[in-house]
Protein backbone atom coordinates (compact mmCIF):
# COMPACT_ATOMS: atom_id res chain seq x y z
CA MET A 1 111.48 125.54 108.45
CA THR A 2 113.07 122.67 109.86
CA SER A 3 115.62 122.46 107.16
CA PHE A 4 116.83 125.93 107.52
CA ALA A 5 117.56 125.35 111.27
CA PHE A 6 119.28 122.69 110.84
CA ILE A 7 121.64 124.36 108.31
CA LEU A 8 121.81 127.35 110.91
CA GLY A 9 122.30 124.70 113.67
CA CYS A 10 125.63 123.57 111.54
CA VAL A 11 126.89 126.95 111.28
CA PRO A 12 128.99 126.60 114.12
CA LEU A 13 130.93 123.57 112.75
CA TRP A 14 131.28 125.55 109.67
CA ILE A 15 132.80 129.09 111.10
CA ALA A 16 134.63 126.44 114.02
CA THR A 17 138.42 127.47 115.01
CA GLY A 18 140.80 125.60 117.05
CA ALA A 19 142.25 122.63 117.50
CA GLY A 20 139.62 119.94 115.02
CA SER A 21 138.54 122.90 113.22
CA VAL A 22 139.61 121.93 110.15
CA SER A 23 137.72 118.85 110.00
CA ARG A 24 134.58 120.58 111.55
CA GLN A 25 134.58 123.27 108.78
CA ILE A 26 134.80 120.13 106.16
CA MET A 27 132.01 118.56 107.84
CA GLY A 28 129.73 121.61 108.21
CA THR A 29 130.58 122.45 104.79
CA THR A 30 129.52 119.40 103.49
CA VAL A 31 125.97 118.90 105.40
CA ILE A 32 124.99 122.47 105.22
CA GLY A 33 125.67 122.08 101.29
CA GLY A 34 123.92 118.86 101.40
CA MET A 35 120.96 120.09 103.37
CA LEU A 36 120.77 123.55 100.90
CA ALA A 37 120.78 120.89 97.90
CA ALA A 38 118.17 119.03 99.08
CA THR A 39 115.86 121.74 100.30
CA MET A 40 116.28 123.46 96.80
CA ILE A 41 115.26 119.85 95.14
CA ALA A 42 112.17 119.40 97.35
CA ILE A 43 110.95 123.46 96.77
CA PHE A 44 111.88 123.66 92.94
CA ILE A 45 112.66 120.04 91.07
CA ILE A 46 110.08 117.96 92.81
CA PRO A 47 107.12 120.28 92.05
CA ALA A 48 108.36 121.21 88.12
CA LEU A 49 108.44 117.56 87.65
CA TYR A 50 105.05 116.37 88.73
CA VAL A 51 103.78 119.18 87.01
CA LEU A 52 105.51 117.74 83.46
CA VAL A 53 104.73 114.08 84.32
CA GLU A 54 101.22 115.54 84.90
CA ARG A 55 100.66 117.78 81.56
CA ILE A 56 102.39 114.66 79.49
CA ALA A 57 99.77 112.04 81.01
CA SER A 58 97.04 114.54 80.53
CA MET A 59 98.31 114.76 76.81
CA GLY A 60 98.44 110.41 76.35
CA LYS A 61 94.88 110.46 77.61
CA LYS A 62 93.46 113.19 75.35
CA HIS A 63 94.81 111.12 72.39
CA ALA A 64 93.89 107.46 73.77
CA HIS A 65 90.14 108.51 75.13
CA ALA A 66 89.04 110.31 71.75
CA PRO A 67 85.32 109.49 70.79
CA ALA A 68 85.17 107.22 67.71
CA ASP A 69 83.34 108.35 65.03
CA VAL A 70 79.63 107.55 65.81
CA SER A 71 76.68 107.97 63.87
CA GLU A 72 73.71 109.09 65.30
CA PRO A 73 70.91 106.48 65.53
CA GLU A 74 67.86 106.34 62.95
CA PRO A 75 64.74 107.43 64.81
CA VAL A 76 62.10 105.07 65.33
CA GLU A 77 58.78 104.86 63.39
CA ALA A 78 55.56 104.87 65.42
CA ASP A 79 53.22 102.39 63.53
């Protein structure tokens, strides 16, 4: 929510008119685009990469910790 508030706060830069408006529009476009990109990366790409890495790591653990073929101990006879 804070990133969207920041983006909306930069809209006046983006729609600026008057003296020096070209540089303000360029700055507004850059800031808004950067914040949108960073927000989308944080919301979608980072969680997807986390899930992918966790799946790969859990696959490695299943193969690395597979139990060895251990025979059962023989029963002890009472005298």
